[in-house]
Amino acid sequence: MPDRLSNFQEKYVQHFQLNMRKTSTVLFVLISLFLSGCGDTEINSVWRKQNIVIDGDNSDWGNSLISLDKIDALAGIANDNEYLYLCLTTSDPVVENKILSGGLTLWFQSSNNGSEKFGIHFPLGITDSAMPNPDEDMKPGGNPFDPSRMQQNILKRQTDLEIINTNDNRIKIPIAELKDIQIKMALKDGKLIYEMKMPLNQRNSTTYALNANPGGSFRLGAESGIFIPGNRAGNMPSPGGFDMPPGGGGDDEGPGGGPGGGFPPEGMGRNAFSNSPINFWINVKLAQENPQSK
């Protein structure tokens, strides 16, 4: 009996140890996958070999645009010895409306600056100076709203941008008065296209620059607000998502015979507005010129 009990105990211990090893292996794999998923996406900038015009047209980028895993969009990053070039395109109406209605801030954090960063807030989204105008945004003849025309009109009213520092101090600058930074956004063939050109390093006439050199690295962040209908402050995060304006309980018509206040314009659908803002970071490695390509 003691021998049988001993054998049983030994087999039980062996079985227990085997299961523990299997469990530990599974946990290790799951933890590794979780940690790898928490890291920032890494993108290698490409060396600029041809002219890139900042005009809201991504044809200059050829096949260098790559898919982002954070949002439904394509991105391109290029540089030469003096400038950084960025391109972001999307045909997803959810992403388009987050950017156009809520605004978008691109954050730049160079490895040379430690925790210091600065942001370029453009477009500003729907603000007091860029509220939709029903007389302009409606289709000829009245209802319903034309989503494409409304987006074009929102974009047309984006005449300023904000420069934001680490302490959230903001300077509003008319785009027409920008010096070394160039920026342009356009809607073309159902796509929203965003392009930017920025100096790598500060010069006498340059107020804002990345402060990085070819071969160096920086972190690029993207953050949108969420437009809250009825809130004229615009581009503010919405803790509850797409807030329904008062009286917009889903009736076919709102006050004055217009579309019900609780519904997005026809053709955009409820999902065109989402309660989760764009918010992610990318690690970028700047390219260096290949001496053999000269």
Protein backbone atom coordinates (compact mmCIF):
# COMPACT_ATOMS: atom_id res chain seq x y z
CA MET A 1 0.00 0.00 0.00
CA PRO A 2 2.69 2.56 0.82
CA ASP A 3 4.48 1.70 -2.46
CA ARG A 4 1.25 2.13 -4.43
CA LEU A 5 0.52 5.42 -2.67
CA SER A 6 4.04 6.55 -3.32
CA ASN A 7 3.74 5.70 -7.01
CA PHE A 8 0.41 7.48 -7.18
CA GLN A 9 1.85 10.54 -5.50
CA GLU A 10 4.83 10.51 -7.83
CA LYS A 11 2.61 10.30 -10.93
CA TYR A 12 0.37 13.05 -9.52
CA VAL A 13 3.35 15.32 -8.95
CA GLN A 14 4.68 14.60 -12.45
CA HIS A 15 1.27 15.34 -13.95
CA PHE A 16 0.99 18.55 -11.91
CA GLN A 17 4.46 19.71 -12.96
CA LEU A 18 3.72 18.97 -16.63
CA ASN A 19 0.50 20.99 -16.49
CA MET A 20 2.29 23.83 -14.74
CA ARG A 21 4.95 23.90 -17.47
CA LYS A 22 2.24 24.00 -20.15
CA THR A 23 0.36 26.74 -18.31
CA SER A 24 3.54 28.76 -17.82
CA THR A 25 4.38 28.44 -21.52
CA VAL A 26 0.90 29.62 -22.53
CA LEU A 27 1.05 32.54 -20.08
CA PHE A 28 4.49 33.51 -21.34
CA VAL A 29 3.27 33.55 -24.95
CA LEU A 30 0.16 35.55 -24.06
CA ILE A 31 2.14 38.09 -22.04
CA SER A 32 4.68 38.43 -24.84
CA LEU A 33 1.93 39.01 -27.39
CA PHE A 34 0.27 41.55 -25.10
CA LEU A 35 3.49 43.47 -24.55
CA SER A 36 4.36 43.46 -28.22
CA GLY A 37 0.89 44.80 -29.01
CA CYS A 38 1.37 47.65 -26.55
CA GLY A 39 4.43 48.99 -28.33
CA ASP A 40 4.35 51.85 -30.79
CA THR A 41 4.30 51.11 -34.50
CA GLU A 42 7.67 51.66 -36.15
CA ILE A 43 8.01 53.26 -39.58
CA ASN A 44 11.17 53.92 -41.55
CA SER A 45 11.22 57.21 -43.40
CA VAL A 46 12.28 57.03 -47.05
CA TRP A 47 14.85 59.32 -48.65
CA ARG A 48 13.19 61.91 -50.87
CA LYS A 49 14.31 61.20 -54.44
CA GLN A 50 11.74 63.27 -56.29
CA ASN A 51 9.94 66.55 -55.75
CA ILE A 52 7.08 66.43 -53.24
CA VAL A 53 4.64 69.31 -53.65
CA ILE A 54 2.46 70.06 -50.61
CA ASP A 55 -0.80 70.46 -52.50
CA GLY A 56 -3.20 67.88 -51.04
CA ASP A 57 -2.46 65.42 -53.85
CA ASN A 58 -0.71 62.16 -52.93
CA SER A 59 0.41 61.30 -56.48
CA ASP A 60 3.96 62.47 -55.64
CA TRP A 61 4.25 59.64 -53.10
CA GLY A 62 3.92 56.80 -55.59
CA ASN A 63 3.77 53.40 -53.85
CA SER A 64 5.58 54.56 -50.69
CA LEU A 65 2.37 54.88 -48.62
CA ILE A 66 1.86 52.09 -46.07
CA SER A 67 -1.15 50.93 -44.05
CA LEU A 68 -1.47 51.97 -40.42
CA ASP A 69 -2.61 49.40 -37.89
CA LYS A 70 -4.15 52.00 -35.58
CA ILE A 71 -6.68 53.55 -37.99
CA ASP A 72 -8.00 52.81 -41.47
CA ALA A 73 -5.51 55.05 -43.29
CA LEU A 74 -2.31 55.11 -45.32
CA ALA A 75 0.74 57.10 -44.29
CA GLY A 76 3.98 58.16 -45.91
CA ILE A 77 7.06 59.71 -44.30
CA ALA A 78 10.06 60.99 -46.23
CA ASN A 79 13.00 63.27 -45.56
CA ASP A 80 16.07 64.82 -47.10
CA ASN A 81 18.88 66.72 -45.41
CA GLU A 82 16.66 69.69 -44.62
CA TYR A 83 13.00 68.74 -44.43
CA LEU A 84 10.52 66.15 -43.18
CA TYR A 85 7.56 65.29 -45.44
CA LEU A 86 4.34 63.68 -44.22
CA CYS A 87 1.30 62.31 -46.02
CA LEU A 88 -1.86 60.79 -44.53
CA THR A 89 -4.78 59.54 -46.64
CA THR A 90 -8.05 57.88 -45.74
CA SER A 91 -11.30 57.01 -47.48
CA ASP A 92 -12.97 55.83 -44.26
CA PRO A 93 -15.89 58.20 -43.48
CA VAL A 94 -15.46 57.59 -39.75
CA VAL A 95 -11.82 58.70 -39.82
CA GLU A 96 -12.61 61.57 -42.19
CA ASN A 97 -15.27 62.98 -39.89
CA LYS A 98 -13.14 62.62 -36.78
CA ILE A 99 -10.47 64.72 -38.50
CA LEU A 100 -12.71 67.29 -40.19
CA SER A 101 -15.24 67.73 -37.40
CA GLY A 102 -13.10 67.11 -34.31
CA GLY A 103 -9.79 68.45 -35.62
CA LEU A 104 -6.40 66.74 -35.68
CA THR A 105 -3.17 67.39 -33.80
CA LEU A 106 0.10 65.84 -34.93
CA TRP A 107 2.66 65.66 -32.12
CA PHE A 108 6.42 65.64 -32.71
CA GLN A 109 8.86 64.43 -30.06
CA SER A 110 12.50 64.23 -31.12
CA SER A 111 14.89 61.94 -29.30
CA ASN A 112 17.09 65.05 -28.98
CA ASN A 113 14.41 66.86 -26.96
CA GLY A 114 13.75 64.33 -24.20
CA SER A 115 10.16 64.74 -23.01
CA GLU A 116 9.69 68.02 -24.88
CA LYS A 117 7.21 67.92 -27.73
CA PHE A 118 5.15 70.27 -29.84
CA GLY A 119 1.98 69.81 -31.83
CA ILE A 120 0.49 71.17 -35.01
CA HIS A 121 -3.27 71.40 -34.67
CA PHE A 122 -4.79 71.32 -38.16
CA PRO A 123 -7.52 71.19 -39.11
CA LEU A 124 -9.06 72.91 -36.10
CA GLY A 125 -12.34 71.15 -36.73
CA ILE A 126 -15.76 72.71 -36.35
CA THR A 127 -15.18 75.85 -34.29
CA ASP A 128 -17.01 79.16 -33.97
CA SER A 129 -15.35 80.36 -37.17
CA ALA A 130 -15.95 77.12 -39.05
CA MET A 131 -19.49 76.09 -38.18
CA PRO A 132 -21.47 74.36 -40.95
CA ASN A 133 -23.74 76.71 -42.85
CA PRO A 134 -27.03 75.02 -43.81
CA ASP A 135 -27.51 77.44 -46.71
CA GLU A 136 -24.19 76.29 -48.20
CA ASP A 137 -24.12 72.67 -47.10
CA MET A 138 -27.57 71.54 -48.25
CA LYS A 139 -28.17 70.12 -51.68
CA PRO A 140 -29.82 72.48 -54.15
CA GLY A 141 -33.53 72.44 -53.41
CA GLY A 142 -33.29 71.77 -49.66
CA ASN A 143 -33.08 68.50 -47.73
CA PRO A 144 -31.18 66.36 -47.19
CA PHE A 145 -27.63 67.42 -46.37
CA ASP A 146 -24.98 66.57 -48.95
CA PRO A 147 -22.14 64.95 -46.93
CA SER A 148 -19.50 65.57 -49.59
CA ARG A 149 -20.44 69.21 -50.00
CA MET A 150 -20.58 69.69 -46.24
CA GLN A 151 -17.08 68.22 -45.85
CA GLN A 152 -15.73 70.50 -48.59
CA ASN A 153 -17.26 73.53 -46.88
CA ILE A 154 -15.84 72.55 -43.48
CA LEU A 155 -12.43 72.16 -45.09
CA LYS A 156 -12.73 75.49 -46.91
CA ARG A 157 -13.17 77.26 -43.56
CA GLN A 158 -9.92 75.85 -42.12
CA THR A 159 -7.76 78.96 -42.59
CA ASP A 160 -5.75 78.80 -39.33
CA LEU A 161 -3.71 76.30 -37.37
CA GLU A 162 -2.40 76.15 -33.82
CA ILE A 163 1.11 75.42 -32.60
CA ILE A 164 0.98 73.70 -29.20
CA ASN A 165 3.94 73.20 -26.84
CA THR A 166 4.41 70.66 -24.05
CA ASN A 167 2.62 72.94 -21.55
CA ASP A 168 -0.42 73.21 -23.86
CA ASN A 169 0.31 76.84 -24.72
CA ARG A 170 -1.29 77.54 -28.08
CA ILE A 171 -0.42 80.02 -30.80
CA LYS A 172 -2.91 80.48 -33.62
CA ILE A 173 -1.34 81.29 -36.97
CA PRO A 174 -3.07 81.97 -40.31
CA ILE A 175 -1.92 79.33 -42.77
CA ALA A 176 -1.22 82.05 -45.32
CA GLU A 177 1.41 83.51 -42.95
CA LEU A 178 3.36 80.29 -42.36
CA LYS A 179 7.02 80.49 -43.28
CA ASP A 180 8.99 77.23 -43.47
CA ILE A 181 6.15 74.89 -42.51
CA GLN A 182 3.82 73.98 -45.38
CA ILE A 183 0.51 72.21 -44.84
CA LYS A 184 -2.41 71.29 -47.06
CA MET A 185 -5.51 69.14 -46.78
CA ALA A 186 -7.89 68.26 -49.61
CA LEU A 187 -10.70 65.90 -50.57
CA LYS A 188 -10.08 64.10 -53.85
CA ASP A 189 -11.77 61.07 -55.38
CA GLY A 190 -13.45 60.19 -52.08
CA LYS A 191 -10.20 60.42 -50.11
CA LEU A 192 -9.10 62.88 -47.46
CA ILE A 193 -5.45 63.76 -48.12
CA TYR A 194 -3.21 65.53 -45.59
CA GLU A 195 0.31 66.70 -46.47
CA MET A 196 2.94 68.56 -44.46
CA LYS A 197 6.52 69.77 -44.90
CA MET A 198 8.60 70.79 -41.89
CA PRO A 199 12.27 71.73 -41.34
CA LEU A 200 14.36 69.07 -39.62
CA ASN A 201 16.34 71.68 -37.70
CA GLN A 202 15.70 75.23 -36.57
CA ARG A 203 17.18 78.02 -38.61
CA ASN A 204 17.26 81.79 -38.11
CA SER A 205 13.97 82.29 -39.90
CA THR A 206 12.35 79.15 -38.50
CA THR A 207 10.31 79.20 -35.31
CA TYR A 208 9.37 75.53 -35.28
CA ALA A 209 11.33 72.50 -36.42
CA LEU A 210 11.65 68.80 -35.59
CA ASN A 211 15.18 69.12 -34.15
CA ALA A 212 16.42 65.86 -35.67
CA ASN A 213 19.01 64.83 -38.25
CA PRO A 214 18.97 62.27 -41.06
CA GLY A 215 19.54 58.87 -39.49
CA GLY A 216 18.01 60.03 -36.21
CA SER A 217 14.61 59.20 -34.82
CA PHE A 218 11.50 60.83 -33.41
CA ARG A 219 8.03 59.95 -32.17
CA LEU A 220 4.98 61.03 -34.13
CA GLY A 221 1.62 61.20 -32.38
CA ALA A 222 -1.86 61.73 -33.82
CA GLU A 223 -4.78 62.91 -31.72
CA SER A 224 -8.25 64.02 -32.76
CA GLY A 225 -11.06 65.62 -30.86
CA ILE A 226 -14.72 64.67 -31.18
CA PHE A 227 -17.24 67.18 -32.43
CA ILE A 228 -20.24 67.50 -30.12
CA PRO A 229 -23.27 68.76 -32.06
CA GLY A 230 -24.70 71.81 -30.33
CA ASN A 231 -21.34 72.66 -28.73
CA ARG A 232 -19.92 75.64 -30.60
CA ALA A 233 -16.56 75.21 -28.91
CA GLY A 234 -15.96 72.37 -31.36
CA ASN A 235 -13.11 69.82 -31.35
CA MET A 236 -13.52 68.83 -27.69
CA PRO A 237 -13.33 65.25 -26.44
CA SER A 238 -16.77 63.83 -25.83
CA PRO A 239 -16.91 61.43 -22.85
CA GLY A 240 -20.19 60.06 -24.11
CA GLY A 241 -19.44 60.04 -27.80
CA PHE A 242 -21.88 61.46 -30.32
CA ASP A 243 -24.13 63.58 -28.08
CA MET A 244 -27.61 64.17 -29.39
CA PRO A 245 -28.68 67.83 -29.50
CA PRO A 246 -31.79 68.72 -27.46
CA GLY A 247 -34.95 67.69 -29.18
CA GLY A 248 -33.18 65.27 -31.50
CA GLY A 249 -34.84 62.12 -30.31
CA GLY A 250 -34.92 60.48 -33.70
CA ASP A 251 -37.88 62.22 -35.38
CA ASP A 252 -37.78 62.49 -39.13
CA GLU A 253 -37.72 66.26 -38.96
CA GLY A 254 -36.24 68.73 -36.53
CA PRO A 255 -37.38 72.29 -35.77
CA GLY A 256 -38.26 74.19 -38.91
CA GLY A 257 -38.73 71.06 -40.98
CA GLY A 258 -35.02 70.18 -41.21
CA PRO A 259 -33.45 66.82 -40.47
CA GLY A 260 -33.94 65.53 -36.94
CA GLY A 261 -31.24 66.93 -34.64
CA GLY A 262 -30.28 63.51 -33.33
CA PHE A 263 -29.19 62.12 -36.70
CA PRO A 264 -26.05 62.66 -38.73
CA PRO A 265 -26.64 63.94 -42.28
CA GLU A 266 -28.09 61.43 -44.72
CA GLY A 267 -25.48 59.29 -46.41
CA MET A 268 -23.06 59.50 -43.48
CA GLY A 269 -24.84 57.11 -41.15
CA ARG A 270 -24.68 56.99 -37.38
CA ASN A 271 -21.25 55.35 -37.51
CA ALA A 272 -19.78 58.36 -39.32
CA PHE A 273 -19.34 59.80 -35.83
CA SER A 274 -17.67 57.69 -33.16
CA ASN A 275 -17.05 58.08 -29.45
CA SER A 276 -13.41 57.01 -29.68
CA PRO A 277 -10.97 59.71 -30.84
CA ILE A 278 -7.87 59.02 -32.89
CA ASN A 279 -4.97 58.61 -30.47
CA PHE A 280 -1.73 56.78 -31.24
CA TRP A 281 2.05 57.17 -31.48
CA ILE A 282 4.52 55.99 -34.12
CA ASN A 283 8.29 55.62 -33.81
CA VAL A 284 9.97 57.01 -36.92
CA LYS A 285 13.52 56.35 -38.12
CA LEU A 286 14.75 59.09 -40.45
CA ALA A 287 16.49 58.05 -43.65
CA GLN A 288 20.05 58.85 -44.64
CA GLU A 289 21.20 59.59 -48.16
CA ASN A 290 22.98 56.72 -49.85
CA PRO A 291 26.31 58.11 -51.18
CA GLN A 292 26.09 55.72 -54.15
CA SER A 293 22.81 57.31 -55.24
CA LYS A 294 24.40 60.71 -55.83
